[in-house]
N, C-alpha and C. Protein backbone atom coordinates (compact mmCIF):
# COMPACT_ATOMS: atom_id res chain seq x y z
N MET A 1 33.37 -156.83 -35.61
CA MET A 1 34.79 -156.95 -35.55
C MET A 1 35.35 -156.86 -36.98
N ARG A 2 36.50 -156.18 -37.07
CA ARG A 2 37.21 -156.03 -38.36
C ARG A 2 38.35 -157.02 -38.32
N ILE A 3 38.54 -157.72 -39.48
CA ILE A 3 39.60 -158.72 -39.56
C ILE A 3 40.47 -158.41 -40.77
N VAL A 4 41.82 -158.50 -40.58
CA VAL A 4 42.77 -158.42 -41.65
C VAL A 4 43.23 -159.85 -41.93
N VAL A 5 43.23 -160.18 -43.21
CA VAL A 5 43.64 -161.58 -43.59
C VAL A 5 44.98 -161.57 -44.23
N ASP A 6 45.85 -162.42 -43.75
CA ASP A 6 47.18 -162.54 -44.37
C ASP A 6 47.18 -163.63 -45.43
N SER A 7 48.32 -163.75 -46.08
CA SER A 7 48.47 -164.74 -47.16
C SER A 7 48.24 -166.17 -46.67
N TYR A 8 48.79 -166.46 -45.51
CA TYR A 8 48.65 -167.83 -44.98
C TYR A 8 47.17 -168.20 -44.88
N ALA A 9 46.35 -167.27 -44.34
CA ALA A 9 44.95 -167.59 -44.17
C ALA A 9 44.23 -167.77 -45.50
N TRP A 10 44.55 -166.90 -46.46
CA TRP A 10 43.93 -167.06 -47.80
C TRP A 10 44.30 -168.37 -48.46
N VAL A 11 45.56 -168.75 -48.33
CA VAL A 11 45.99 -170.05 -48.89
C VAL A 11 45.22 -171.21 -48.29
N GLU A 12 45.13 -171.18 -46.95
CA GLU A 12 44.40 -172.25 -46.28
C GLU A 12 42.93 -172.27 -46.68
N LEU A 13 42.33 -171.10 -46.84
CA LEU A 13 40.95 -171.04 -47.30
C LEU A 13 40.78 -171.66 -48.69
N PHE A 14 41.70 -171.29 -49.59
CA PHE A 14 41.62 -171.80 -50.97
C PHE A 14 41.80 -173.31 -51.07
N ILE A 15 42.66 -173.87 -50.19
CA ILE A 15 42.86 -175.34 -50.31
C ILE A 15 41.82 -176.10 -49.52
N GLY A 16 40.98 -175.37 -48.70
CA GLY A 16 39.89 -176.03 -48.02
C GLY A 16 40.37 -176.89 -46.86
N SER A 17 41.46 -176.53 -46.26
CA SER A 17 42.00 -177.28 -45.12
C SER A 17 41.13 -177.05 -43.86
N ASP A 18 41.47 -177.76 -42.80
CA ASP A 18 40.81 -177.54 -41.53
C ASP A 18 41.00 -176.05 -41.07
N LYS A 19 42.23 -175.58 -41.23
CA LYS A 19 42.50 -174.18 -40.90
C LYS A 19 41.70 -173.25 -41.79
N GLY A 20 41.57 -173.61 -43.04
CA GLY A 20 40.80 -172.84 -44.01
C GLY A 20 39.33 -172.75 -43.68
N ARG A 21 38.80 -173.88 -43.12
CA ARG A 21 37.41 -173.87 -42.70
C ARG A 21 37.20 -172.91 -41.50
N VAL A 22 38.18 -172.87 -40.61
CA VAL A 22 38.13 -171.92 -39.48
C VAL A 22 38.19 -170.49 -40.03
N VAL A 23 39.08 -170.24 -40.96
CA VAL A 23 39.18 -168.93 -41.57
C VAL A 23 37.82 -168.51 -42.18
N LYS A 24 37.25 -169.39 -42.97
CA LYS A 24 35.95 -169.13 -43.59
C LYS A 24 34.89 -168.77 -42.57
N LYS A 25 34.83 -169.55 -41.49
CA LYS A 25 33.86 -169.28 -40.44
C LYS A 25 34.11 -167.88 -39.83
N ARG A 26 35.33 -167.59 -39.50
CA ARG A 26 35.64 -166.31 -38.86
C ARG A 26 35.39 -165.13 -39.81
N LEU A 27 35.66 -165.30 -41.10
CA LEU A 27 35.35 -164.21 -42.03
C LEU A 27 33.88 -163.97 -42.12
N GLY A 28 33.08 -165.04 -42.05
CA GLY A 28 31.64 -164.87 -42.09
C GLY A 28 31.10 -164.20 -40.87
N GLU A 29 31.81 -164.21 -39.76
CA GLU A 29 31.40 -163.58 -38.55
C GLU A 29 31.84 -162.13 -38.44
N ALA A 30 32.75 -161.71 -39.31
CA ALA A 30 33.36 -160.39 -39.25
C ALA A 30 32.44 -159.32 -39.78
N ASP A 31 32.55 -158.11 -39.17
CA ASP A 31 31.81 -156.96 -39.69
C ASP A 31 32.47 -156.43 -40.98
N GLU A 32 33.78 -156.50 -40.99
CA GLU A 32 34.54 -156.06 -42.16
C GLU A 32 35.77 -156.92 -42.34
N VAL A 33 36.05 -157.30 -43.56
CA VAL A 33 37.25 -158.10 -43.91
C VAL A 33 38.16 -157.28 -44.75
N CYS A 34 39.41 -157.19 -44.42
CA CYS A 34 40.35 -156.36 -45.15
C CYS A 34 41.61 -157.18 -45.50
N THR A 35 42.20 -156.91 -46.62
CA THR A 35 43.41 -157.57 -47.05
C THR A 35 44.42 -156.48 -47.53
N PRO A 36 45.60 -156.46 -46.93
CA PRO A 36 46.62 -155.55 -47.42
C PRO A 36 46.99 -155.84 -48.86
N ASP A 37 47.22 -154.81 -49.68
CA ASP A 37 47.53 -155.02 -51.07
C ASP A 37 48.76 -155.91 -51.32
N ILE A 38 49.68 -155.88 -50.38
CA ILE A 38 50.89 -156.69 -50.55
C ILE A 38 50.54 -158.17 -50.52
N VAL A 39 49.46 -158.57 -49.84
CA VAL A 39 49.03 -159.95 -49.87
C VAL A 39 48.69 -160.47 -51.22
N LEU A 40 48.09 -159.59 -52.08
CA LEU A 40 47.79 -160.03 -53.48
C LEU A 40 49.10 -160.41 -54.19
N ALA A 41 50.15 -159.58 -53.97
CA ALA A 41 51.43 -159.91 -54.61
C ALA A 41 52.04 -161.16 -54.04
N GLU A 42 51.91 -161.36 -52.73
CA GLU A 42 52.44 -162.56 -52.15
C GLU A 42 51.75 -163.82 -52.67
N LEU A 43 50.43 -163.74 -52.78
CA LEU A 43 49.66 -164.90 -53.32
C LEU A 43 50.07 -165.15 -54.77
N ALA A 44 50.11 -164.13 -55.56
CA ALA A 44 50.49 -164.31 -56.98
C ALA A 44 51.89 -164.94 -57.07
N ARG A 45 52.81 -164.46 -56.29
CA ARG A 45 54.21 -165.00 -56.28
C ARG A 45 54.18 -166.52 -55.88
N LYS A 46 53.47 -166.79 -54.82
CA LYS A 46 53.42 -168.21 -54.33
C LYS A 46 52.88 -169.13 -55.44
N TYR A 47 51.78 -168.74 -56.04
CA TYR A 47 51.15 -169.57 -57.02
C TYR A 47 52.00 -169.69 -58.33
N ARG A 48 52.66 -168.63 -58.70
CA ARG A 48 53.51 -168.68 -59.90
C ARG A 48 54.69 -169.65 -59.61
N LYS A 49 55.24 -169.58 -58.42
CA LYS A 49 56.34 -170.50 -58.07
C LYS A 49 55.88 -171.96 -58.12
N GLU A 50 54.61 -172.14 -57.87
CA GLU A 50 54.02 -173.49 -57.90
C GLU A 50 53.48 -173.85 -59.24
N ASN A 51 53.75 -173.03 -60.22
CA ASN A 51 53.27 -173.23 -61.62
C ASN A 51 51.79 -173.31 -61.77
N VAL A 52 51.10 -172.60 -60.95
CA VAL A 52 49.62 -172.54 -61.07
C VAL A 52 49.30 -171.70 -62.31
N ASP A 53 48.32 -172.08 -63.08
CA ASP A 53 47.91 -171.40 -64.29
C ASP A 53 47.57 -169.93 -63.97
N ALA A 54 47.93 -169.03 -64.84
CA ALA A 54 47.74 -167.58 -64.64
C ALA A 54 46.24 -167.25 -64.48
N ASN A 55 45.38 -167.99 -65.18
CA ASN A 55 43.95 -167.73 -65.06
C ASN A 55 43.42 -168.08 -63.63
N ILE A 56 43.95 -169.16 -63.10
CA ILE A 56 43.56 -169.54 -61.76
C ILE A 56 44.08 -168.55 -60.74
N ILE A 57 45.29 -168.04 -60.94
CA ILE A 57 45.83 -167.01 -60.06
C ILE A 57 44.92 -165.78 -60.12
N ALA A 58 44.57 -165.40 -61.28
CA ALA A 58 43.71 -164.18 -61.43
C ALA A 58 42.35 -164.41 -60.78
N GLU A 59 41.81 -165.60 -60.91
CA GLU A 59 40.54 -165.95 -60.26
C GLU A 59 40.67 -165.85 -58.78
N ARG A 60 41.77 -166.38 -58.18
CA ARG A 60 41.90 -166.33 -56.74
C ARG A 60 42.10 -164.90 -56.23
N LEU A 61 42.88 -164.10 -56.95
CA LEU A 61 43.03 -162.70 -56.56
C LEU A 61 41.74 -161.96 -56.65
N SER A 62 40.95 -162.26 -57.66
CA SER A 62 39.62 -161.60 -57.78
C SER A 62 38.75 -162.02 -56.62
N ARG A 63 38.80 -163.26 -56.23
CA ARG A 63 38.02 -163.74 -55.07
C ARG A 63 38.39 -163.01 -53.82
N VAL A 64 39.67 -162.81 -53.61
CA VAL A 64 40.16 -162.01 -52.43
C VAL A 64 39.57 -160.64 -52.48
N ALA A 65 39.57 -160.03 -53.64
CA ALA A 65 39.03 -158.65 -53.78
C ALA A 65 37.52 -158.65 -53.59
N GLU A 66 36.83 -159.71 -53.96
CA GLU A 66 35.38 -159.79 -53.76
C GLU A 66 35.04 -159.95 -52.29
N LEU A 67 35.81 -160.72 -51.57
CA LEU A 67 35.50 -161.03 -50.21
C LEU A 67 36.08 -160.04 -49.19
N SER A 68 36.92 -159.13 -49.63
CA SER A 68 37.56 -158.22 -48.67
C SER A 68 37.84 -156.89 -49.32
N ARG A 69 38.05 -155.88 -48.45
CA ARG A 69 38.48 -154.58 -48.92
C ARG A 69 39.97 -154.60 -49.03
N ILE A 70 40.52 -154.22 -50.17
CA ILE A 70 41.97 -154.22 -50.39
C ILE A 70 42.51 -152.89 -49.82
N VAL A 71 43.45 -152.99 -48.89
CA VAL A 71 43.97 -151.88 -48.18
C VAL A 71 45.33 -151.49 -48.76
N PRO A 72 45.51 -150.24 -49.35
CA PRO A 72 46.75 -149.86 -49.89
C PRO A 72 47.75 -149.49 -48.78
N ILE A 73 49.02 -149.58 -49.05
CA ILE A 73 50.03 -149.19 -48.07
C ILE A 73 50.33 -147.72 -48.26
N ASP A 74 50.07 -146.98 -47.16
CA ASP A 74 50.33 -145.54 -47.18
C ASP A 74 51.55 -145.23 -46.35
N LYS A 75 51.86 -143.93 -46.20
CA LYS A 75 53.09 -143.56 -45.47
C LYS A 75 53.08 -143.99 -44.00
N SER A 76 51.92 -143.84 -43.34
CA SER A 76 51.88 -144.20 -41.90
C SER A 76 52.02 -145.70 -41.71
N ILE A 77 51.42 -146.49 -42.63
CA ILE A 77 51.56 -147.93 -42.56
C ILE A 77 53.00 -148.34 -42.83
N ALA A 78 53.63 -147.67 -43.78
CA ALA A 78 55.05 -147.96 -44.11
C ALA A 78 55.95 -147.75 -42.91
N VAL A 79 55.75 -146.61 -42.23
CA VAL A 79 56.60 -146.31 -41.03
C VAL A 79 56.31 -147.30 -39.92
N LYS A 80 55.07 -147.64 -39.66
CA LYS A 80 54.72 -148.61 -38.63
C LYS A 80 55.29 -149.99 -38.97
N ALA A 81 55.25 -150.34 -40.28
CA ALA A 81 55.83 -151.61 -40.72
C ALA A 81 57.33 -151.70 -40.42
N ALA A 82 58.01 -150.61 -40.66
CA ALA A 82 59.43 -150.59 -40.39
C ALA A 82 59.73 -150.83 -38.88
N GLU A 83 58.92 -150.21 -38.03
CA GLU A 83 59.07 -150.46 -36.57
C GLU A 83 58.76 -151.92 -36.23
N LEU A 84 57.69 -152.43 -36.76
CA LEU A 84 57.25 -153.77 -36.44
C LEU A 84 58.22 -154.83 -37.04
N ASP A 85 58.90 -154.52 -38.14
CA ASP A 85 59.83 -155.44 -38.72
C ASP A 85 60.94 -155.76 -37.72
N LEU A 86 61.40 -154.70 -37.04
CA LEU A 86 62.48 -154.90 -36.05
C LEU A 86 61.94 -155.75 -34.87
N GLU A 87 60.74 -155.42 -34.42
CA GLU A 87 60.15 -156.16 -33.29
C GLU A 87 59.92 -157.61 -33.66
N LEU A 88 59.36 -157.88 -34.82
CA LEU A 88 59.11 -159.28 -35.25
C LEU A 88 60.38 -160.04 -35.39
N GLY A 89 61.45 -159.38 -35.91
CA GLY A 89 62.78 -160.00 -36.05
C GLY A 89 63.33 -160.42 -34.72
N ARG A 90 63.22 -159.55 -33.71
CA ARG A 90 63.73 -159.88 -32.39
C ARG A 90 62.96 -161.06 -31.78
N THR A 91 61.63 -160.99 -31.92
CA THR A 91 60.81 -162.04 -31.36
C THR A 91 61.09 -163.39 -32.04
N ALA A 92 61.25 -163.35 -33.34
CA ALA A 92 61.56 -164.59 -34.06
C ALA A 92 62.90 -165.18 -33.64
N ALA A 93 63.91 -164.31 -33.49
CA ALA A 93 65.17 -164.81 -33.06
C ALA A 93 65.15 -165.44 -31.66
N GLY A 94 64.38 -164.83 -30.76
CA GLY A 94 64.24 -165.34 -29.43
C GLY A 94 63.45 -166.64 -29.33
N ALA A 95 62.60 -166.90 -30.32
CA ALA A 95 61.80 -168.11 -30.33
C ALA A 95 62.34 -169.15 -31.33
N ASN A 96 63.48 -168.86 -31.90
CA ASN A 96 64.11 -169.75 -32.85
C ASN A 96 63.26 -170.00 -34.09
N TYR A 97 62.47 -169.03 -34.54
CA TYR A 97 61.75 -169.08 -35.80
C TYR A 97 62.63 -168.57 -36.90
N ARG A 98 62.25 -168.94 -38.11
CA ARG A 98 62.96 -168.34 -39.26
C ARG A 98 62.70 -166.84 -39.22
N ALA A 99 63.51 -166.05 -39.89
CA ALA A 99 63.33 -164.61 -39.92
C ALA A 99 62.03 -164.26 -40.65
N PRO A 100 61.24 -163.35 -40.13
CA PRO A 100 60.00 -163.00 -40.82
C PRO A 100 60.31 -162.12 -42.06
N SER A 101 59.40 -162.13 -43.00
CA SER A 101 59.57 -161.27 -44.14
C SER A 101 59.08 -159.88 -43.81
N PHE A 102 59.52 -158.93 -44.60
CA PHE A 102 59.01 -157.56 -44.37
C PHE A 102 57.53 -157.51 -44.59
N SER A 103 57.02 -158.37 -45.52
CA SER A 103 55.55 -158.38 -45.76
C SER A 103 54.79 -158.72 -44.46
N ASP A 104 55.38 -159.55 -43.61
CA ASP A 104 54.75 -159.85 -42.32
C ASP A 104 54.53 -158.62 -41.51
N ALA A 105 55.55 -157.75 -41.50
CA ALA A 105 55.46 -156.50 -40.74
C ALA A 105 54.44 -155.57 -41.38
N VAL A 106 54.37 -155.56 -42.72
CA VAL A 106 53.36 -154.71 -43.39
C VAL A 106 51.94 -155.15 -43.03
N VAL A 107 51.69 -156.45 -43.07
CA VAL A 107 50.39 -157.01 -42.78
C VAL A 107 49.99 -156.63 -41.33
N LEU A 108 50.91 -156.81 -40.40
CA LEU A 108 50.64 -156.48 -39.00
C LEU A 108 50.40 -154.98 -38.86
N ALA A 109 51.14 -154.15 -39.56
CA ALA A 109 50.97 -152.70 -39.50
C ALA A 109 49.57 -152.29 -39.99
N VAL A 110 49.08 -152.96 -41.04
CA VAL A 110 47.72 -152.71 -41.54
C VAL A 110 46.67 -153.06 -40.44
N ALA A 111 46.87 -154.22 -39.83
CA ALA A 111 45.95 -154.60 -38.76
C ALA A 111 45.95 -153.58 -37.62
N LYS A 112 47.06 -153.11 -37.25
CA LYS A 112 47.14 -152.12 -36.19
C LYS A 112 46.55 -150.76 -36.63
N ALA A 113 46.82 -150.34 -37.89
CA ALA A 113 46.28 -149.08 -38.37
C ALA A 113 44.75 -149.14 -38.43
N LEU A 114 44.19 -150.26 -38.70
CA LEU A 114 42.72 -150.42 -38.83
C LEU A 114 42.06 -150.82 -37.49
N ASP A 115 42.88 -150.97 -36.43
CA ASP A 115 42.40 -151.46 -35.14
C ASP A 115 41.62 -152.75 -35.36
N ALA A 116 42.26 -153.67 -36.07
CA ALA A 116 41.63 -154.92 -36.47
C ALA A 116 42.37 -156.09 -35.89
N ASN A 117 41.73 -157.29 -35.92
CA ASN A 117 42.34 -158.51 -35.61
C ASN A 117 42.98 -159.05 -36.86
N LEU A 118 44.10 -159.76 -36.75
CA LEU A 118 44.76 -160.42 -37.88
C LEU A 118 44.53 -161.92 -37.79
N ILE A 119 43.98 -162.48 -38.86
CA ILE A 119 43.72 -163.95 -38.84
C ILE A 119 44.85 -164.63 -39.62
N THR A 120 45.46 -165.60 -38.95
CA THR A 120 46.66 -166.27 -39.44
C THR A 120 46.99 -167.52 -38.67
N ALA A 121 47.91 -168.30 -39.24
CA ALA A 121 48.58 -169.38 -38.54
C ALA A 121 50.07 -169.25 -38.73
N ASP A 122 50.52 -168.07 -39.18
CA ASP A 122 51.96 -167.80 -39.38
C ASP A 122 52.61 -167.70 -38.00
N GLU A 123 53.66 -168.53 -37.78
CA GLU A 123 54.35 -168.60 -36.50
C GLU A 123 54.85 -167.24 -35.98
N HIS A 124 55.10 -166.31 -36.85
CA HIS A 124 55.62 -165.02 -36.40
C HIS A 124 54.57 -164.22 -35.65
N PHE A 125 53.32 -164.59 -35.74
CA PHE A 125 52.25 -163.83 -35.08
C PHE A 125 51.66 -164.62 -33.87
N ARG A 126 52.21 -165.75 -33.61
CA ARG A 126 51.73 -166.61 -32.53
C ARG A 126 51.72 -165.82 -31.22
N ASP A 127 50.64 -165.93 -30.45
CA ASP A 127 50.52 -165.33 -29.13
C ASP A 127 50.42 -163.82 -29.09
N ARG A 128 50.26 -163.16 -30.24
CA ARG A 128 50.05 -161.70 -30.23
C ARG A 128 48.61 -161.46 -29.87
N PRO A 129 48.33 -160.41 -29.07
CA PRO A 129 46.94 -160.14 -28.64
C PRO A 129 45.94 -159.81 -29.77
N GLU A 130 46.45 -159.24 -30.86
CA GLU A 130 45.55 -158.84 -31.94
C GLU A 130 45.32 -159.97 -32.93
N VAL A 131 45.85 -161.13 -32.68
CA VAL A 131 45.76 -162.24 -33.65
C VAL A 131 44.68 -163.24 -33.31
N ILE A 132 43.94 -163.63 -34.36
CA ILE A 132 43.01 -164.74 -34.33
C ILE A 132 43.84 -165.89 -34.85
N TRP A 133 44.25 -166.78 -34.00
CA TRP A 133 45.16 -167.89 -34.37
C TRP A 133 44.34 -169.06 -34.93
N VAL A 134 44.64 -169.52 -36.09
CA VAL A 134 43.97 -170.69 -36.65
C VAL A 134 44.91 -171.87 -36.78
N GLY A 135 46.04 -171.79 -36.11
CA GLY A 135 47.04 -172.85 -36.17
C GLY A 135 46.73 -173.94 -35.12
N ASP A 136 47.77 -174.60 -34.73
CA ASP A 136 47.61 -175.74 -33.86
C ASP A 136 47.11 -175.41 -32.45
N LYS A 137 47.16 -174.15 -32.10
CA LYS A 137 46.74 -173.75 -30.72
C LYS A 137 45.26 -173.34 -30.69
N GLY A 138 44.72 -172.94 -31.84
CA GLY A 138 43.39 -172.31 -31.73
C GLY A 138 42.29 -172.89 -32.49
């Protein structure tokens, strides 16, 4: 099985939470682990906002690159992400979730392009068939 890892899952893995332990287990069971390149930027942004030292940020990003194949965003993924952005927005509005970021759509587009499962606990992906949910339901 091929798994795409989103920012949420990497953060949980790094903090060693219960969700992170589930992520670690599932990554160990995967045939291939992939991370969209936009996730590296999301992680760096999150940690800078939290005043995490630049060396620690670099170490975490290096760890992501060691544990997974970094997938660049190409034209087909960009077009699919634009479609999915609209879909995710409608779903979020109907479920009274906060609006998803465009990065969410990009990550989902990568999973679809790779015919992979997406591992996450991000509410925007709850109940999607391609998702390995590590949140409160799974």
